[in-house]
């Protein structure tokens, strides 16, 4: 009888989402607004209409950067360029449309600071960032221990990195 002890492999998370609420300057919801996301790197384009509650939600978007444009007749179009979609995360992009001509538009160059969709807390580090971090144990798991919100012993008593501190 043969046995194989293989570590469990985790798939890379390659899909995320963008959601938000469309309102007018007084905070009233704007159902029927057209919301379009365009992938900066891929050109992928998806469009949907905000629901009767003013919310929209794009799920299963490939990881990357997107431009989000919100339009509604009688209001100025609003564009948010460079919205980052990360694996297994949902970016929240709320849009407050101002009254104006359909031909005028506003571009907002800001990154959403709040994830109002889920309670996960995290960020993505690329290979060069991980390699530049001085890790006392030599293991990349040390970066997880150094992350905000993680409560674990840096060095376990038996020399392993169990993180059960």
C-alpha atoms as a PDB file:
ATOM      1  CA  UNK A   1       0.000   0.000   0.000  1.00  0.00           C
ATOM      2  CA  UNK A   2       1.351   3.396  -0.978  1.00  0.00           C
ATOM      3  CA  UNK A   3       0.595   6.602   0.776  1.00  0.00           C
ATOM      4  CA  UNK A   4       1.290  10.111  -0.348  1.00  0.00           C
ATOM      5  CA  UNK A   5       1.588  13.021   1.973  1.00  0.00           C
ATOM      6  CA  UNK A   6       1.010  16.059  -0.201  1.00  0.00           C
ATOM      7  CA  UNK A   7       0.356  19.491   1.239  1.00  0.00           C
ATOM      8  CA  UNK A   8      -3.002  20.973   0.418  1.00  0.00           C
ATOM      9  CA  UNK A   9      -2.716  23.470  -2.409  1.00  0.00           C
ATOM     10  CA  UNK A  10      -4.879  26.543  -2.468  1.00  0.00           C
ATOM     11  CA  UNK A  11      -6.073  27.972  -5.752  1.00  0.00           C
ATOM     12  CA  UNK A  12      -5.110  31.539  -6.484  1.00  0.00           C
ATOM     13  CA  UNK A  13      -8.016  33.885  -6.086  1.00  0.00           C
ATOM     14  CA  UNK A  14      -8.519  35.513  -9.473  1.00  0.00           C
ATOM     15  CA  UNK A  15     -12.030  36.944  -9.165  1.00  0.00           C
ATOM     16  CA  UNK A  16     -13.438  39.854  -7.208  1.00  0.00           C
ATOM     17  CA  UNK A  17     -16.239  42.373  -7.503  1.00  0.00           C
ATOM     18  CA  UNK A  18     -17.447  45.956  -7.470  1.00  0.00           C
ATOM     19  CA  UNK A  19     -20.646  47.105  -5.811  1.00  0.00           C
ATOM     20  CA  UNK A  20     -22.163  50.404  -4.787  1.00  0.00           C
ATOM     21  CA  UNK A  21     -25.125  52.711  -4.364  1.00  0.00           C
ATOM     22  CA  UNK A  22     -26.206  55.434  -6.791  1.00  0.00           C
ATOM     23  CA  UNK A  23     -27.734  58.544  -5.174  1.00  0.00           C
ATOM     24  CA  UNK A  24     -28.580  62.165  -5.964  1.00  0.00           C
ATOM     25  CA  UNK A  25     -27.034  65.140  -4.090  1.00  0.00           C
ATOM     26  CA  UNK A  26     -29.662  64.849  -1.320  1.00  0.00           C
ATOM     27  CA  UNK A  27     -28.911  61.156  -0.776  1.00  0.00           C
ATOM     28  CA  UNK A  28     -32.053  59.767  -2.452  1.00  0.00           C
ATOM     29  CA  UNK A  29     -31.426  56.566  -4.384  1.00  0.00           C
ATOM     30  CA  UNK A  30     -31.447  56.663  -8.169  1.00  0.00           C
ATOM     31  CA  UNK A  31     -32.870  53.435  -9.569  1.00  0.00           C
ATOM     32  CA  UNK A  32     -32.343  52.869 -13.264  1.00  0.00           C
ATOM     33  CA  UNK A  33     -28.877  54.435 -13.469  1.00  0.00           C
ATOM     34  CA  UNK A  34     -26.623  52.756 -16.025  1.00  0.00           C
ATOM     35  CA  UNK A  35     -23.373  51.470 -14.487  1.00  0.00           C
ATOM     36  CA  UNK A  36     -20.525  50.298 -16.729  1.00  0.00           C
ATOM     37  CA  UNK A  37     -17.214  48.745 -15.682  1.00  0.00           C
ATOM     38  CA  UNK A  38     -14.331  48.529 -18.159  1.00  0.00           C
ATOM     39  CA  UNK A  39     -11.169  46.539 -17.408  1.00  0.00           C
ATOM     40  CA  UNK A  40      -8.151  48.794 -17.923  1.00  0.00           C
ATOM     41  CA  UNK A  41      -5.804  45.895 -18.728  1.00  0.00           C
ATOM     42  CA  UNK A  42      -8.275  43.645 -20.537  1.00  0.00           C
ATOM     43  CA  UNK A  43     -10.948  45.883 -22.053  1.00  0.00           C
ATOM     44  CA  UNK A  44     -13.615  43.636 -20.507  1.00  0.00           C
ATOM     45  CA  UNK A  45     -16.855  45.644 -20.427  1.00  0.00           C
ATOM     46  CA  UNK A  46     -19.944  44.916 -18.353  1.00  0.00           C
ATOM     47  CA  UNK A  47     -23.005  47.124 -17.992  1.00  0.00           C
ATOM     48  CA  UNK A  48     -26.020  46.870 -15.720  1.00  0.00           C
ATOM     49  CA  UNK A  49     -28.821  49.019 -14.380  1.00  0.00           C
ATOM     50  CA  UNK A  50     -29.008  50.003 -10.714  1.00  0.00           C
ATOM     51  CA  UNK A  51     -31.935  48.231  -9.053  1.00  0.00           C
ATOM     52  CA  UNK A  52     -35.032  49.769  -7.512  1.00  0.00           C
ATOM     53  CA  UNK A  53     -33.017  50.363  -4.323  1.00  0.00           C
ATOM     54  CA  UNK A  54     -30.218  52.163  -6.238  1.00  0.00           C
ATOM     55  CA  UNK A  55     -27.689  49.361  -5.715  1.00  0.00           C
ATOM     56  CA  UNK A  56     -25.589  47.663  -8.373  1.00  0.00           C
ATOM     57  CA  UNK A  57     -23.225  44.713  -8.068  1.00  0.00           C
ATOM     58  CA  UNK A  58     -20.687  43.235 -10.459  1.00  0.00           C
ATOM     59  CA  UNK A  59     -19.450  39.822  -9.332  1.00  0.00           C
ATOM     60  CA  UNK A  60     -16.819  37.491 -10.741  1.00  0.00           C
ATOM     61  CA  UNK A  61     -14.673  40.212 -12.270  1.00  0.00           C
ATOM     62  CA  UNK A  62     -11.123  39.149 -13.124  1.00  0.00           C
ATOM     63  CA  UNK A  63      -8.493  40.720 -10.855  1.00  0.00           C
ATOM     64  CA  UNK A  64      -7.232  44.034 -12.243  1.00  0.00           C
ATOM     65  CA  UNK A  65      -8.098  47.698 -12.502  1.00  0.00           C
ATOM     66  CA  UNK A  66     -11.440  49.000 -13.756  1.00  0.00           C
ATOM     67  CA  UNK A  67     -13.025  52.283 -14.735  1.00  0.00           C
ATOM     68  CA  UNK A  68     -16.552  52.591 -13.337  1.00  0.00           C
ATOM     69  CA  UNK A  69     -18.922  54.988 -15.127  1.00  0.00           C
ATOM     70  CA  UNK A  70     -22.399  55.872 -13.820  1.00  0.00           C
ATOM     71  CA  UNK A  71     -24.971  57.634 -16.037  1.00  0.00           C
ATOM     72  CA  UNK A  72     -28.587  58.682 -15.713  1.00  0.00           C
ATOM     73  CA  UNK A  73     -30.542  61.080 -17.890  1.00  0.00           C
ATOM     74  CA  UNK A  74     -30.727  64.543 -16.316  1.00  0.00           C
ATOM     75  CA  UNK A  75     -27.537  63.993 -14.296  1.00  0.00           C
ATOM     76  CA  UNK A  76     -23.847  64.457 -15.010  1.00  0.00           C
ATOM     77  CA  UNK A  77     -22.047  61.199 -15.807  1.00  0.00           C
ATOM     78  CA  UNK A  78     -19.541  60.195 -13.138  1.00  0.00           C
ATOM     79  CA  UNK A  79     -16.380  58.136 -13.795  1.00  0.00           C
ATOM     80  CA  UNK A  80     -14.084  56.461 -11.262  1.00  0.00           C
ATOM     81  CA  UNK A  81     -10.875  55.372 -13.078  1.00  0.00           C
ATOM     82  CA  UNK A  82      -8.440  52.826 -11.652  1.00  0.00           C
ATOM     83  CA  UNK A  83     -10.663  50.927  -9.199  1.00  0.00           C
ATOM     84  CA  UNK A  84      -8.626  47.928  -8.013  1.00  0.00           C
ATOM     85  CA  UNK A  85     -10.360  44.548  -7.955  1.00  0.00           C
ATOM     86  CA  UNK A  86      -8.490  42.024  -5.813  1.00  0.00           C
ATOM     87  CA  UNK A  87      -9.047  38.298  -5.455  1.00  0.00           C
ATOM     88  CA  UNK A  88     -11.988  37.380  -3.221  1.00  0.00           C
ATOM     89  CA  UNK A  89     -12.610  41.068  -2.382  1.00  0.00           C
ATOM     90  CA  UNK A  90     -15.409  43.447  -3.320  1.00  0.00           C
ATOM     91  CA  UNK A  91     -14.639  47.134  -3.845  1.00  0.00           C
ATOM     92  CA  UNK A  92     -17.412  49.539  -2.819  1.00  0.00           C
ATOM     93  CA  UNK A  93     -17.861  52.480  -5.195  1.00  0.00           C
ATOM     94  CA  UNK A  94     -20.803  54.693  -4.233  1.00  0.00           C
ATOM     95  CA  UNK A  95     -21.788  57.365  -6.774  1.00  0.00           C
ATOM     96  CA  UNK A  96     -23.537  60.636  -5.965  1.00  0.00           C
ATOM     97  CA  UNK A  97     -24.705  62.107  -9.261  1.00  0.00           C
ATOM     98  CA  UNK A  98     -25.169  65.845  -9.585  1.00  0.00           C
ATOM     99  CA  UNK A  99     -27.952  67.365 -11.632  1.00  0.00           C
ATOM    100  CA  UNK A 100     -26.743  68.585 -14.987  1.00  0.00           C
ATOM    101  CA  UNK A 101     -26.682  68.068 -18.691  1.00  0.00           C
ATOM    102  CA  UNK A 102     -26.272  64.539 -19.966  1.00  0.00           C
ATOM    103  CA  UNK A 103     -23.272  65.657 -22.021  1.00  0.00           C
ATOM    104  CA  UNK A 104     -21.266  66.804 -18.975  1.00  0.00           C
ATOM    105  CA  UNK A 105     -19.282  64.357 -16.901  1.00  0.00           C
ATOM    106  CA  UNK A 106     -17.163  64.263 -13.763  1.00  0.00           C
ATOM    107  CA  UNK A 107     -14.101  62.071 -13.207  1.00  0.00           C
ATOM    108  CA  UNK A 108     -13.211  61.131  -9.631  1.00  0.00           C
ATOM    109  CA  UNK A 109      -9.565  60.182  -9.071  1.00  0.00           C
ATOM    110  CA  UNK A 110      -9.841  58.494  -5.681  1.00  0.00           C
ATOM    111  CA  UNK A 111      -9.517  54.978  -4.368  1.00  0.00           C
ATOM    112  CA  UNK A 112     -12.378  53.578  -2.298  1.00  0.00           C
ATOM    113  CA  UNK A 113     -11.192  53.452   1.302  1.00  0.00           C
ATOM    114  CA  UNK A 114     -13.951  51.302   2.710  1.00  0.00           C
ATOM    115  CA  UNK A 115     -15.071  47.781   1.982  1.00  0.00           C
ATOM    116  CA  UNK A 116     -18.715  47.878   3.007  1.00  0.00           C
ATOM    117  CA  UNK A 117     -19.472  44.409   1.647  1.00  0.00           C
ATOM    118  CA  UNK A 118     -17.590  41.908   3.760  1.00  0.00           C
ATOM    119  CA  UNK A 119     -15.708  41.841   7.035  1.00  0.00           C
ATOM    120  CA  UNK A 120     -12.454  40.536   5.650  1.00  0.00           C
ATOM    121  CA  UNK A 121      -9.383  42.628   6.123  1.00  0.00           C
ATOM    122  CA  UNK A 122      -6.466  42.166   3.819  1.00  0.00           C
ATOM    123  CA  UNK A 123      -4.189  43.355   1.104  1.00  0.00           C
ATOM    124  CA  UNK A 124      -2.075  41.884  -1.646  1.00  0.00           C
ATOM    125  CA  UNK A 125       1.727  41.942  -1.732  1.00  0.00           C
ATOM    126  CA  UNK A 126       3.610  41.164  -4.905  1.00  0.00           C
ATOM    127  CA  UNK A 127       6.761  39.045  -5.019  1.00  0.00           C
ATOM    128  CA  UNK A 128       9.180  41.991  -4.858  1.00  0.00           C
ATOM    129  CA  UNK A 129       7.416  43.422  -1.790  1.00  0.00           C
ATOM    130  CA  UNK A 130       7.571  40.070   0.011  1.00  0.00           C
ATOM    131  CA  UNK A 131      11.251  39.632  -0.850  1.00  0.00           C
ATOM    132  CA  UNK A 132      12.088  43.100   0.517  1.00  0.00           C
ATOM    133  CA  UNK A 133      10.615  42.371   3.970  1.00  0.00           C
ATOM    134  CA  UNK A 134      13.231  41.181   6.488  1.00  0.00           C
ATOM    135  CA  UNK A 135      11.728  37.960   7.816  1.00  0.00           C
ATOM    136  CA  UNK A 136      13.250  36.697  11.087  1.00  0.00           C
ATOM    137  CA  UNK A 137      12.297  33.076  10.423  1.00  0.00           C
ATOM    138  CA  UNK A 138      12.988  33.081   6.684  1.00  0.00           C
ATOM    139  CA  UNK A 139       9.428  31.945   6.059  1.00  0.00           C
ATOM    140  CA  UNK A 140       6.897  34.033   4.105  1.00  0.00           C
ATOM    141  CA  UNK A 141       4.384  33.162   6.834  1.00  0.00           C
ATOM    142  CA  UNK A 142       6.169  35.821   8.869  1.00  0.00           C
ATOM    143  CA  UNK A 143       4.542  38.483   6.703  1.00  0.00           C
ATOM    144  CA  UNK A 144       1.109  37.228   7.737  1.00  0.00           C
ATOM    145  CA  UNK A 145       2.074  37.480  11.395  1.00  0.00           C
ATOM    146  CA  UNK A 146       3.243  41.060  10.831  1.00  0.00           C
ATOM    147  CA  UNK A 147      -0.052  42.039   9.148  1.00  0.00           C
ATOM    148  CA  UNK A 148      -2.489  44.429  10.851  1.00  0.00           C
ATOM    149  CA  UNK A 149      -5.138  42.657  12.902  1.00  0.00           C
ATOM    150  CA  UNK A 150      -3.178  39.400  13.285  1.00  0.00           C
ATOM    151  CA  UNK A 151      -2.561  38.306  16.849  1.00  0.00           C
ATOM    152  CA  UNK A 152       0.046  35.544  16.926  1.00  0.00           C
ATOM    153  CA  UNK A 153       3.432  34.859  18.459  1.00  0.00           C
ATOM    154  CA  UNK A 154       6.255  35.614  16.080  1.00  0.00           C
ATOM    155  CA  UNK A 155       8.262  32.675  17.386  1.00  0.00           C
ATOM    156  CA  UNK A 156       6.536  29.602  18.767  1.00  0.00           C
ATOM    157  CA  UNK A 157       8.297  27.888  21.679  1.00  0.00           C
ATOM    158  CA  UNK A 158       8.987  24.699  19.746  1.00  0.00           C
ATOM    159  CA  UNK A 159      10.483  26.568  16.772  1.00  0.00           C
ATOM    160  CA  UNK A 160       7.543  26.005  14.465  1.00  0.00           C
ATOM    161  CA  UNK A 161       5.283  28.705  13.070  1.00  0.00           C
ATOM    162  CA  UNK A 162       1.952  27.445  14.267  1.00  0.00           C
ATOM    163  CA  UNK A 163       0.562  30.915  14.882  1.00  0.00           C
ATOM    164  CA  UNK A 164      -1.547  29.691  17.794  1.00  0.00           C
ATOM    165  CA  UNK A 165      -0.226  32.291  20.210  1.00  0.00           C
END
